[in-house]
Amino acid sequence: MHIHHLNCGCMCPVGGKLFDGYSRGLTACLVCHCLLIETDTNGLILVDTGFGQRDVQTPERLSRFFRAFNNIKFEHRLTALEQVRRLGFDANDVRHILVTHLDFDHAGGLQDFPQARVHVMRDEMAAARTADTWISRRRFQARQWQGVDNWEFYAPDGDTWFGFDSVRALIGAEEEDIFLVPLQGHTAGHAGIAVRTSDGWLLHAGDAYFFHDEVHQAERRCPPGLKFYQYMMDTYRSARMRNQQRLRELARVQDGHVEIFCSHDAKEWERAVQQHPVRVDSSAMPSATGKQSS
């Protein structure tokens, strides 16, 4: 197994460092951090898709409010499909897509991979289909998954993963060590995606947090722009804050064994791509209890 860290979208809201914590100019820089996992038996697996080809071709299919507020830069080269092709693969090689949630900047590329089975929490799709608030009607764009009919829905129960409830993704004839970890708050069915590697675990936390220091410091710190954006996008704020605290504790206790990153922190993505692609040796995989697989 190889894991590639992709950036499948660029958003540049006004605010610079006051928004993202890093940028020196007038605008900030938010990435769409996705994973492309090469497996031996189950083809390619995507974790989130960022913006898709149709978003780039027809930006108007997304909410005018979010296009303007996030100052989205629509570029074909950043789509997951283009990056899959540059790696020498075809769209049909992507067999599975795991979606942290169905916001417009995470599910835009679903239509680019017609052969893929899409894995998502059942509560997330239910919320997206019944969107009834001003924000929810703009964040969920059903046209992004129109024609996608190969779904796998999950209820928030199953195995325990480092104290979190989790659901093992059902992928192919043989199960990969990939879990959906419910992290409700940002949306009703938001989930992190945990992937076991030879060096430990990767946890793609999606939008459970937006800035590195919210989880990777003893005391939470977040730039005012991102703090406002998270507040604006909250479905269940108390649940989001509670899950952030749980992630902060996990990062502290499992430092070096569980690598946690979110969707939009550019520095986290840059650090990830500086590392070599991860090879997974199944004979040496640590379990979620910290023990080696037998």
C-alpha atoms as a PDB file:
ATOM      1  CA  MET A   1       0.000   0.000   0.000  1.00  0.00           C
ATOM      2  CA  HIS A   2       1.187   3.506  -0.871  1.00  0.00           C
ATOM      3  CA  ILE A   3      -0.441   6.665   0.458  1.00  0.00           C
ATOM      4  CA  HIS A   4      -0.310   9.946  -1.455  1.00  0.00           C
ATOM      5  CA  HIS A   5      -1.284  13.259   0.134  1.00  0.00           C
ATOM      6  CA  LEU A   6      -3.121  15.339  -2.476  1.00  0.00           C
ATOM      7  CA  ASN A   7      -4.314  18.921  -2.473  1.00  0.00           C
ATOM      8  CA  CYS A   8      -7.583  18.879  -4.421  1.00  0.00           C
ATOM      9  CA  GLY A   9      -8.598  22.502  -4.113  1.00  0.00           C
ATOM     10  CA  CYS A  10      -7.447  25.994  -3.232  1.00  0.00           C
ATOM     11  CA  MET A  11      -9.497  28.547  -1.309  1.00  0.00           C
ATOM     12  CA  CYS A  12      -8.127  32.030  -0.641  1.00  0.00           C
ATOM     13  CA  PRO A  13     -10.497  33.955   1.646  1.00  0.00           C
ATOM     14  CA  VAL A  14      -9.657  37.541   2.530  1.00  0.00           C
ATOM     15  CA  GLY A  15      -7.884  37.893   5.859  1.00  0.00           C
ATOM     16  CA  GLY A  16      -4.390  36.509   5.404  1.00  0.00           C
ATOM     17  CA  LYS A  17      -2.818  35.441   8.685  1.00  0.00           C
ATOM     18  CA  LEU A  18      -5.892  36.513  10.620  1.00  0.00           C
ATOM     19  CA  PHE A  19      -7.791  33.820   8.715  1.00  0.00           C
ATOM     20  CA  ASP A  20      -5.376  30.913   8.273  1.00  0.00           C
ATOM     21  CA  GLY A  21      -2.654  31.690  10.833  1.00  0.00           C
ATOM     22  CA  TYR A  22       0.174  31.672   8.293  1.00  0.00           C
ATOM     23  CA  SER A  23      -0.261  33.858   5.206  1.00  0.00           C
ATOM     24  CA  ARG A  24       1.505  37.225   4.986  1.00  0.00           C
ATOM     25  CA  GLY A  25      -0.600  38.800   2.248  1.00  0.00           C
ATOM     26  CA  LEU A  26      -4.184  39.985   2.028  1.00  0.00           C
ATOM     27  CA  THR A  27      -5.620  36.540   1.328  1.00  0.00           C
ATOM     28  CA  ALA A  28      -5.336  33.256   3.196  1.00  0.00           C
ATOM     29  CA  CYS A  29      -4.589  29.836   1.725  1.00  0.00           C
ATOM     30  CA  LEU A  30      -6.727  26.813   2.553  1.00  0.00           C
ATOM     31  CA  VAL A  31      -6.041  23.484   0.867  1.00  0.00           C
ATOM     32  CA  CYS A  32      -8.332  20.483   0.360  1.00  0.00           C
ATOM     33  CA  HIS A  33      -6.186  17.712   1.819  1.00  0.00           C
ATOM     34  CA  CYS A  34      -7.206  14.351   0.350  1.00  0.00           C
ATOM     35  CA  LEU A  35      -5.591  10.921   0.373  1.00  0.00           C
ATOM     36  CA  LEU A  36      -5.019   8.538  -2.523  1.00  0.00           C
ATOM     37  CA  ILE A  37      -4.299   5.024  -1.277  1.00  0.00           C
ATOM     38  CA  GLU A  38      -2.821   2.424  -3.596  1.00  0.00           C
ATOM     39  CA  THR A  39      -3.704  -1.106  -2.512  1.00  0.00           C
ATOM     40  CA  ASP A  40      -2.701  -4.499  -3.842  1.00  0.00           C
ATOM     41  CA  THR A  41      -6.180  -6.023  -3.862  1.00  0.00           C
ATOM     42  CA  ASN A  42      -8.734  -3.214  -3.911  1.00  0.00           C
ATOM     43  CA  GLY A  43      -7.384  -0.781  -6.464  1.00  0.00           C
ATOM     44  CA  LEU A  44      -7.186   2.882  -5.568  1.00  0.00           C
ATOM     45  CA  ILE A  45      -9.016   4.367  -2.599  1.00  0.00           C
ATOM     46  CA  LEU A  46      -9.684   8.088  -2.244  1.00  0.00           C
ATOM     47  CA  VAL A  47     -10.356   9.850   1.025  1.00  0.00           C
ATOM     48  CA  ASP A  48     -12.414  12.927   0.066  1.00  0.00           C
ATOM     49  CA  THR A  49     -12.310  14.386  -3.457  1.00  0.00           C
ATOM     50  CA  GLY A  50     -12.095  18.161  -3.090  1.00  0.00           C
ATOM     51  CA  PHE A  51     -13.448  20.046  -6.101  1.00  0.00           C
ATOM     52  CA  GLY A  52     -14.191  18.039  -9.225  1.00  0.00           C
ATOM     53  CA  GLN A  53     -13.935  18.524 -12.963  1.00  0.00           C
ATOM     54  CA  ARG A  54     -17.518  19.751 -13.246  1.00  0.00           C
ATOM     55  CA  ASP A  55     -16.976  22.301 -10.474  1.00  0.00           C
ATOM     56  CA  VAL A  56     -14.061  23.716 -12.467  1.00  0.00           C
ATOM     57  CA  GLN A  57     -16.002  23.704 -15.735  1.00  0.00           C
ATOM     58  CA  THR A  58     -19.146  25.201 -14.213  1.00  0.00           C
ATOM     59  CA  PRO A  59     -18.382  27.001 -10.937  1.00  0.00           C
ATOM     60  CA  GLU A  60     -21.951  28.329 -10.909  1.00  0.00           C
ATOM     61  CA  ARG A  61     -23.181  24.934  -9.773  1.00  0.00           C
ATOM     62  CA  LEU A  62     -21.803  25.844  -6.342  1.00  0.00           C
ATOM     63  CA  SER A  63     -23.279  28.435  -4.007  1.00  0.00           C
ATOM     64  CA  ARG A  64     -22.499  32.029  -4.981  1.00  0.00           C
ATOM     65  CA  PHE A  65     -22.024  32.817  -1.291  1.00  0.00           C
ATOM     66  CA  PHE A  66     -19.320  30.202  -0.750  1.00  0.00           C
ATOM     67  CA  ARG A  67     -17.617  30.895  -4.078  1.00  0.00           C
ATOM     68  CA  ALA A  68     -17.214  34.514  -2.988  1.00  0.00           C
ATOM     69  CA  PHE A  69     -16.590  34.044   0.730  1.00  0.00           C
ATOM     70  CA  ASN A  70     -13.950  31.350   0.215  1.00  0.00           C
ATOM     71  CA  ASN A  71     -12.529  32.968  -2.944  1.00  0.00           C
ATOM     72  CA  ILE A  72     -12.285  29.537  -4.547  1.00  0.00           C
ATOM     73  CA  LYS A  73      -9.634  29.042  -7.259  1.00  0.00           C
ATOM     74  CA  PHE A  74     -11.015  26.522  -9.742  1.00  0.00           C
ATOM     75  CA  GLU A  75      -8.122  24.707 -11.445  1.00  0.00           C
ATOM     76  CA  HIS A  76      -8.223  21.446 -13.399  1.00  0.00           C
ATOM     77  CA  ARG A  77      -4.696  20.546 -12.278  1.00  0.00           C
ATOM     78  CA  LEU A  78      -5.860  20.357  -8.656  1.00  0.00           C
ATOM     79  CA  THR A  79      -8.754  17.985  -9.237  1.00  0.00           C
ATOM     80  CA  ALA A  80      -8.316  14.462  -7.917  1.00  0.00           C
ATOM     81  CA  LEU A  81      -8.938  13.075 -11.409  1.00  0.00           C
ATOM     82  CA  GLU A  82      -6.053  15.042 -12.943  1.00  0.00           C
ATOM     83  CA  GLN A  83      -3.722  14.001 -10.132  1.00  0.00           C
ATOM     84  CA  VAL A  84      -4.736  10.357 -10.459  1.00  0.00           C
ATOM     85  CA  ARG A  85      -3.955  10.555 -14.177  1.00  0.00           C
ATOM     86  CA  ARG A  86      -0.566  12.193 -13.560  1.00  0.00           C
ATOM     87  CA  LEU A  87       0.298   9.236 -11.362  1.00  0.00           C
ATOM     88  CA  GLY A  88      -0.353   6.951 -14.334  1.00  0.00           C
ATOM     89  CA  PHE A  89      -3.799   5.690 -13.348  1.00  0.00           C
ATOM     90  CA  ASP A  90      -7.283   5.944 -14.828  1.00  0.00           C
ATOM     91  CA  ALA A  91     -10.532   7.122 -13.228  1.00  0.00           C
ATOM     92  CA  ASN A  92     -11.811   3.535 -13.243  1.00  0.00           C
ATOM     93  CA  ASP A  93      -8.850   2.474 -11.101  1.00  0.00           C
ATOM     94  CA  VAL A  94     -10.439   4.331  -8.183  1.00  0.00           C
ATOM     95  CA  ARG A  95     -12.621   1.630  -6.668  1.00  0.00           C
ATOM     96  CA  HIS A  96     -13.618   3.247  -3.369  1.00  0.00           C
ATOM     97  CA  ILE A  97     -14.109   6.770  -2.052  1.00  0.00           C
ATOM     98  CA  LEU A  98     -14.459   7.473   1.659  1.00  0.00           C
ATOM     99  CA  VAL A  99     -16.042  10.851   2.365  1.00  0.00           C
ATOM    100  CA  THR A 100     -15.513  12.647   5.664  1.00  0.00           C
ATOM    101  CA  HIS A 101     -18.682  14.631   4.923  1.00  0.00           C
ATOM    102  CA  LEU A 102     -20.645  15.950   1.962  1.00  0.00           C
ATOM    103  CA  ASP A 103     -19.748  19.646   1.996  1.00  0.00           C
ATOM    104  CA  PHE A 104     -19.169  21.168  -1.463  1.00  0.00           C
ATOM    105  CA  ASP A 105     -15.366  21.234  -0.998  1.00  0.00           C
ATOM    106  CA  HIS A 106     -15.127  17.549  -0.076  1.00  0.00           C
ATOM    107  CA  ALA A 107     -17.539  15.782  -2.431  1.00  0.00           C
ATOM    108  CA  GLY A 108     -17.089  17.728  -5.674  1.00  0.00           C
ATOM    109  CA  GLY A 109     -15.172  14.976  -7.448  1.00  0.00           C
ATOM    110  CA  LEU A 110     -17.530  12.061  -6.829  1.00  0.00           C
ATOM    111  CA  GLN A 111     -18.865  12.152 -10.402  1.00  0.00           C
ATOM    112  CA  ASP A 112     -15.324  11.926 -11.802  1.00  0.00           C
ATOM    113  CA  PHE A 113     -15.002   8.315 -10.608  1.00  0.00           C
ATOM    114  CA  PRO A 114     -18.128   6.496 -11.872  1.00  0.00           C
ATOM    115  CA  GLN A 115     -16.894   3.020 -10.935  1.00  0.00           C
ATOM    116  CA  ALA A 116     -16.140   3.877  -7.317  1.00  0.00           C
ATOM    117  CA  ARG A 117     -18.192   2.794  -4.332  1.00  0.00           C
ATOM    118  CA  VAL A 118     -18.786   5.781  -2.039  1.00  0.00           C
ATOM    119  CA  HIS A 119     -18.612   5.213   1.715  1.00  0.00           C
ATOM    120  CA  VAL A 120     -20.226   7.765   4.035  1.00  0.00           C
ATOM    121  CA  MET A 121     -22.085   7.933   7.328  1.00  0.00           C
ATOM    122  CA  ARG A 122     -25.840   7.425   6.955  1.00  0.00           C
ATOM    123  CA  ASP A 123     -26.616  10.494   9.084  1.00  0.00           C
ATOM    124  CA  GLU A 124     -24.567  12.653   6.715  1.00  0.00           C
ATOM    125  CA  MET A 125     -26.578  11.729   3.657  1.00  0.00           C
ATOM    126  CA  ALA A 126     -29.832  12.104   5.584  1.00  0.00           C
ATOM    127  CA  ALA A 127     -28.839  15.632   6.625  1.00  0.00           C
ATOM    128  CA  ALA A 128     -27.709  16.538   3.117  1.00  0.00           C
ATOM    129  CA  ARG A 129     -30.954  15.332   1.574  1.00  0.00           C
ATOM    130  CA  THR A 130     -33.127  17.251   4.055  1.00  0.00           C
ATOM    131  CA  ALA A 131     -31.099  20.475   4.250  1.00  0.00           C
ATOM    132  CA  ASP A 132     -33.439  23.124   5.632  1.00  0.00           C
ATOM    133  CA  THR A 133     -31.282  26.026   6.853  1.00  0.00           C
ATOM    134  CA  TRP A 134     -29.709  28.871   4.884  1.00  0.00           C
ATOM    135  CA  ILE A 135     -26.192  27.442   5.351  1.00  0.00           C
ATOM    136  CA  SER A 136     -27.082  23.788   4.830  1.00  0.00           C
ATOM    137  CA  ARG A 137     -28.868  24.486   1.552  1.00  0.00           C
ATOM    138  CA  ARG A 138     -25.662  26.094   0.272  1.00  0.00           C
ATOM    139  CA  ARG A 139     -23.053  23.782   1.767  1.00  0.00           C
ATOM    140  CA  PHE A 140     -24.673  20.599   0.412  1.00  0.00           C
ATOM    141  CA  GLN A 141     -24.882  20.567  -3.377  1.00  0.00           C
ATOM    142  CA  ALA A 142     -26.786  17.474  -4.479  1.00  0.00           C
ATOM    143  CA  ARG A 143     -25.789  18.135  -8.094  1.00  0.00           C
ATOM    144  CA  GLN A 144     -22.253  17.103  -7.088  1.00  0.00           C
ATOM    145  CA  TRP A 145     -23.404  13.543  -6.527  1.00  0.00           C
ATOM    146  CA  GLN A 146     -26.215  13.417  -9.100  1.00  0.00           C
ATOM    147  CA  GLY A 147     -25.938  10.096 -10.916  1.00  0.00           C
ATOM    148  CA  VAL A 148     -23.766   8.561  -8.196  1.00  0.00           C
ATOM    149  CA  ASP A 149     -25.665   5.457  -7.103  1.00  0.00           C
ATOM    150  CA  ASN A 150     -23.037   3.121  -5.681  1.00  0.00           C
ATOM    151  CA  TRP A 151     -23.217   4.062  -2.000  1.00  0.00           C
ATOM    152  CA  GLU A 152     -22.298   2.302   1.230  1.00  0.00           C
ATOM    153  CA  PHE A 153     -23.935   3.917   4.274  1.00  0.00           C
ATOM    154  CA  TYR A 154     -22.783   3.366   7.846  1.00  0.00           C
ATOM    155  CA  ALA A 155     -24.433   3.724  11.225  1.00  0.00           C
ATOM    156  CA  PRO A 156     -22.265   5.126  14.063  1.00  0.00           C
ATOM    157  CA  ASP A 157     -21.551   1.826  15.760  1.00  0.00           C
ATOM    158  CA  GLY A 158     -18.966  -0.906  15.424  1.00  0.00           C
ATOM    159  CA  ASP A 159     -15.431  -1.382  16.658  1.00  0.00           C
ATOM    160  CA  THR A 160     -13.682   0.870  19.160  1.00  0.00           C
ATOM    161  CA  TRP A 161     -10.663   2.808  17.909  1.00  0.00           C
ATOM    162  CA  PHE A 162      -8.487   4.405  20.613  1.00  0.00           C
ATOM    163  CA  GLY A 163     -11.590   5.074  22.690  1.00  0.00           C
ATOM    164  CA  PHE A 164     -13.617   6.432  19.758  1.00  0.00           C
ATOM    165  CA  ASP A 165     -16.599   4.611  18.318  1.00  0.00           C
ATOM    166  CA  SER A 166     -15.765   3.587  14.779  1.00  0.00           C
ATOM    167  CA  VAL A 167     -16.970   1.604  11.798  1.00  0.00           C
ATOM    168  CA  ARG A 168     -14.729  -0.594   9.697  1.00  0.00           C
ATOM    169  CA  ALA A 169     -15.151   0.290   6.047  1.00  0.00           C
ATOM    170  CA  LEU A 170     -16.277  -2.679   3.964  1.00  0.00           C
ATOM    171  CA  ILE A 171     -13.942  -2.587   0.998  1.00  0.00           C
ATOM    172  CA  GLY A 172     -13.699  -5.445  -1.458  1.00  0.00           C
ATOM    173  CA  ALA A 173     -13.464  -9.109  -0.636  1.00  0.00           C
ATOM    174  CA  GLU A 174     -10.776  -8.421   1.939  1.00  0.00           C
ATOM    175  CA  GLU A 175     -11.080  -5.629   4.470  1.00  0.00           C
ATOM    176  CA  GLU A 176      -8.397  -2.983   4.472  1.00  0.00           C
ATOM    177  CA  ASP A 177      -7.535  -1.490   7.855  1.00  0.00           C
ATOM    178  CA  ILE A 178      -9.583   1.621   7.219  1.00  0.00           C
ATOM    179  CA  PHE A 179     -12.138   2.958   9.672  1.00  0.00           C
ATOM    180  CA  LEU A 180     -14.758   5.679   9.641  1.00  0.00           C
ATOM    181  CA  VAL A 181     -14.482   7.428  13.014  1.00  0.00           C
ATOM    182  CA  PRO A 182     -17.638   9.456  13.791  1.00  0.00           C
ATOM    183  CA  LEU A 183     -16.694  13.035  14.724  1.00  0.00           C
ATOM    184  CA  GLN A 184     -20.075  14.726  14.740  1.00  0.00           C
ATOM    185  CA  GLY A 185     -20.341  18.482  15.036  1.00  0.00           C
ATOM    186  CA  HIS A 186     -19.236  20.252  11.880  1.00  0.00           C
ATOM    187  CA  THR A 187     -22.007  18.275  10.188  1.00  0.00           C
ATOM    188  CA  ALA A 188     -24.480  15.719  11.492  1.00  0.00           C
ATOM    189  CA  GLY A 189     -22.647  12.747  10.001  1.00  0.00           C
ATOM    190  CA  HIS A 190     -19.082  14.013   9.913  1.00  0.00           C
ATOM    191  CA  ALA A 191     -16.410  11.310  10.282  1.00  0.00           C
ATOM    192  CA  GLY A 192     -12.661  11.046  10.349  1.00  0.00           C
ATOM    193  CA  ILE A 193     -10.947   8.339   8.296  1.00  0.00           C
ATOM    194  CA  ALA A 194      -8.312   6.221  10.062  1.00  0.00           C
ATOM    195  CA  VAL A 195      -5.800   4.214   8.011  1.00  0.00           C
ATOM    196  CA  ARG A 196      -3.365   1.754   9.550  1.00  0.00           C
ATOM    197  CA  THR A 197       0.215   1.879   8.244  1.00  0.00           C
ATOM    198  CA  SER A 198       3.416   0.073   9.149  1.00  0.00           C
ATOM    199  CA  ASP A 199       4.413   3.054  11.292  1.00  0.00           C
ATOM    200  CA  GLY A 200       1.123   3.475  13.119  1.00  0.00           C
ATOM    201  CA  TRP A 201      -2.102   5.196  12.135  1.00  0.00           C
ATOM    202  CA  LEU A 202      -3.087   8.139   9.985  1.00  0.00           C
ATOM    203  CA  LEU A 203      -6.265   9.946  10.986  1.00  0.00           C
ATOM    204  CA  HIS A 204      -7.733  12.277   8.401  1.00  0.00           C
ATOM    205  CA  ALA A 205      -9.903  14.358  10.722  1.00  0.00           C
ATOM    206  CA  GLY A 206     -11.714  16.221   7.957  1.00  0.00           C
ATOM    207  CA  ASP A 207     -13.237  19.429   9.306  1.00  0.00           C
ATOM    208  CA  ALA A 208     -13.285  18.341  12.946  1.00  0.00           C
ATOM    209  CA  TYR A 209     -10.710  21.134  13.250  1.00  0.00           C
ATOM    210  CA  PHE A 210      -9.188  23.629  10.809  1.00  0.00           C
ATOM    211  CA  PHE A 211      -5.901  24.779  12.344  1.00  0.00           C
ATOM    212  CA  HIS A 212      -2.991  22.672  13.583  1.00  0.00           C
ATOM    213  CA  ASP A 213      -2.845  24.259  17.047  1.00  0.00           C
ATOM    214  CA  GLU A 214      -6.452  23.421  17.801  1.00  0.00           C
ATOM    215  CA  VAL A 215      -5.411  19.808  18.345  1.00  0.00           C
ATOM    216  CA  HIS A 216      -1.619  19.698  18.529  1.00  0.00           C
ATOM    217  CA  GLN A 217      -1.103  22.119  21.420  1.00  0.00           C
ATOM    218  CA  ALA A 218      -2.054  21.668  25.063  1.00  0.00           C
ATOM    219  CA  GLU A 219      -4.224  24.783  24.857  1.00  0.00           C
ATOM    220  CA  ARG A 220      -6.426  25.274  21.815  1.00  0.00           C
ATOM    221  CA  ARG A 221      -5.417  28.176  19.562  1.00  0.00           C
ATOM    222  CA  CYS A 222      -7.211  29.203  16.384  1.00  0.00           C
ATOM    223  CA  PRO A 223      -7.001  32.329  14.177  1.00  0.00           C
ATOM    224  CA  PRO A 224     -10.138  34.497  14.390  1.00  0.00           C
ATOM    225  CA  GLY A 225     -11.086  33.962  10.751  1.00  0.00           C
ATOM    226  CA  LEU A 226     -11.115  30.183  11.048  1.00  0.00           C
ATOM    227  CA  LYS A 227     -12.805  30.393  14.430  1.00  0.00           C
ATOM    228  CA  PHE A 228     -15.617  32.419  12.848  1.00  0.00           C
ATOM    229  CA  TYR A 229     -15.866  30.086   9.846  1.00  0.00           C
ATOM    230  CA  GLN A 230     -16.157  27.020  12.060  1.00  0.00           C
ATOM    231  CA  TYR A 231     -18.797  28.716  14.162  1.00  0.00           C
ATOM    232  CA  MET A 232     -20.742  29.678  11.038  1.00  0.00           C
ATOM    233  CA  MET A 233     -20.594  26.112   9.713  1.00  0.00           C
ATOM    234  CA  ASP A 234     -21.393  24.327  12.980  1.00  0.00           C
ATOM    235  CA  THR A 235     -24.284  21.899  13.026  1.00  0.00           C
ATOM    236  CA  TYR A 236     -23.704  20.841  16.633  1.00  0.00           C
ATOM    237  CA  ARG A 237     -21.126  23.139  18.195  1.00  0.00           C
ATOM    238  CA  SER A 238     -20.926  21.390  21.566  1.00  0.00           C
ATOM    239  CA  ALA A 239     -20.250  18.062  19.843  1.00  0.00           C
ATOM    240  CA  ARG A 240     -17.550  19.621  17.656  1.00  0.00           C
ATOM    241  CA  MET A 241     -15.786  21.155  20.641  1.00  0.00           C
ATOM    242  CA  ARG A 242     -16.041  17.918  22.579  1.00  0.00           C
ATOM    243  CA  ASN A 243     -14.553  15.945  19.698  1.00  0.00           C
ATOM    244  CA  GLN A 244     -11.755  18.504  19.300  1.00  0.00           C
ATOM    245  CA  GLN A 245     -10.887  17.957  22.952  1.00  0.00           C
ATOM    246  CA  ARG A 246     -10.868  14.193  22.421  1.00  0.00           C
ATOM    247  CA  LEU A 247      -8.579  14.605  19.397  1.00  0.00           C
ATOM    248  CA  ARG A 248      -6.279  16.848  21.422  1.00  0.00           C
ATOM    249  CA  GLU A 249      -6.025  14.149  24.079  1.00  0.00           C
ATOM    250  CA  LEU A 250      -5.429  11.463  21.443  1.00  0.00           C
ATOM    251  CA  ALA A 251      -2.641  13.538  19.881  1.00  0.00           C
ATOM    252  CA  ARG A 252      -1.007  13.951  23.295  1.00  0.00           C
ATOM    253  CA  VAL A 253      -1.263  10.343  24.426  1.00  0.00           C
ATOM    254  CA  GLN A 254      -0.509   8.708  21.072  1.00  0.00           C
ATOM    255  CA  ASP A 255       2.146  11.167  19.852  1.00  0.00           C
ATOM    256  CA  GLY A 256       4.174   9.396  17.183  1.00  0.00           C
ATOM    257  CA  HIS A 257       1.741   6.509  16.866  1.00  0.00           C
ATOM    258  CA  VAL A 258      -1.307   8.332  15.491  1.00  0.00           C
ATOM    259  CA  GLU A 259      -0.686  11.096  12.958  1.00  0.00           C
ATOM    260  CA  ILE A 260      -3.664  13.456  12.944  1.00  0.00           C
ATOM    261  CA  PHE A 261      -4.292  16.069  10.256  1.00  0.00           C
ATOM    262  CA  CYS A 262      -7.285  18.040   9.026  1.00  0.00           C
ATOM    263  CA  SER A 263      -8.582  19.010   5.590  1.00  0.00           C
ATOM    264  CA  HIS A 264      -7.640  22.656   5.199  1.00  0.00           C
ATOM    265  CA  ASP A 265      -4.408  23.485   7.062  1.00  0.00           C
ATOM    266  CA  ALA A 266      -1.839  24.208   4.320  1.00  0.00           C
ATOM    267  CA  LYS A 267       1.159  23.668   6.605  1.00  0.00           C
ATOM    268  CA  GLU A 268      -0.075  20.253   7.678  1.00  0.00           C
ATOM    269  CA  TRP A 269      -0.458  19.260   4.028  1.00  0.00           C
ATOM    270  CA  GLU A 270       2.997  20.601   3.144  1.00  0.00           C
ATOM    271  CA  ARG A 271       4.578  18.600   5.965  1.00  0.00           C
ATOM    272  CA  ALA A 272       2.785  15.467   4.775  1.00  0.00           C
ATOM    273  CA  VAL A 273       3.947  15.721   1.150  1.00  0.00           C
ATOM    274  CA  GLN A 274       7.538  16.307   2.217  1.00  0.00           C
ATOM    275  CA  GLN A 275       7.578  12.756   3.510  1.00  0.00           C
ATOM    276  CA  HIS A 276       8.009   9.773   1.206  1.00  0.00           C
ATOM    277  CA  PRO A 277       4.891   7.761   0.325  1.00  0.00           C
ATOM    278  CA  VAL A 278       4.143   5.269   3.082  1.00  0.00           C
ATOM    279  CA  ARG A 279       4.580   1.560   2.418  1.00  0.00           C
ATOM    280  CA  VAL A 280       2.405  -0.658   4.584  1.00  0.00           C
ATOM    281  CA  ASP A 281       3.847  -3.955   5.754  1.00  0.00           C
ATOM    282  CA  SER A 282       0.811  -5.912   6.931  1.00  0.00           C
ATOM    283  CA  SER A 283       2.965  -8.252   9.013  1.00  0.00           C
ATOM    284  CA  ALA A 284       4.046  -5.368  11.244  1.00  0.00           C
ATOM    285  CA  MET A 285       0.812  -3.401  11.586  1.00  0.00           C
ATOM    286  CA  PRO A 286       0.087  -2.146  15.100  1.00  0.00           C
ATOM    287  CA  SER A 287      -3.498  -2.566  16.208  1.00  0.00           C
ATOM    288  CA  ALA A 288      -5.779   0.132  17.553  1.00  0.00           C
ATOM    289  CA  THR A 289      -4.894  -1.022  21.057  1.00  0.00           C
ATOM    290  CA  GLY A 290      -1.195  -0.351  20.395  1.00  0.00           C
ATOM    291  CA  LYS A 291      -0.275  -4.057  20.088  1.00  0.00           C
ATOM    292  CA  GLN A 292       1.406  -5.593  17.068  1.00  0.00           C
ATOM    293  CA  SER A 293      -0.752  -7.708  14.802  1.00  0.00           C
ATOM    294  CA  SER A 294      -0.137 -11.383  15.259  1.00  0.00           C
END
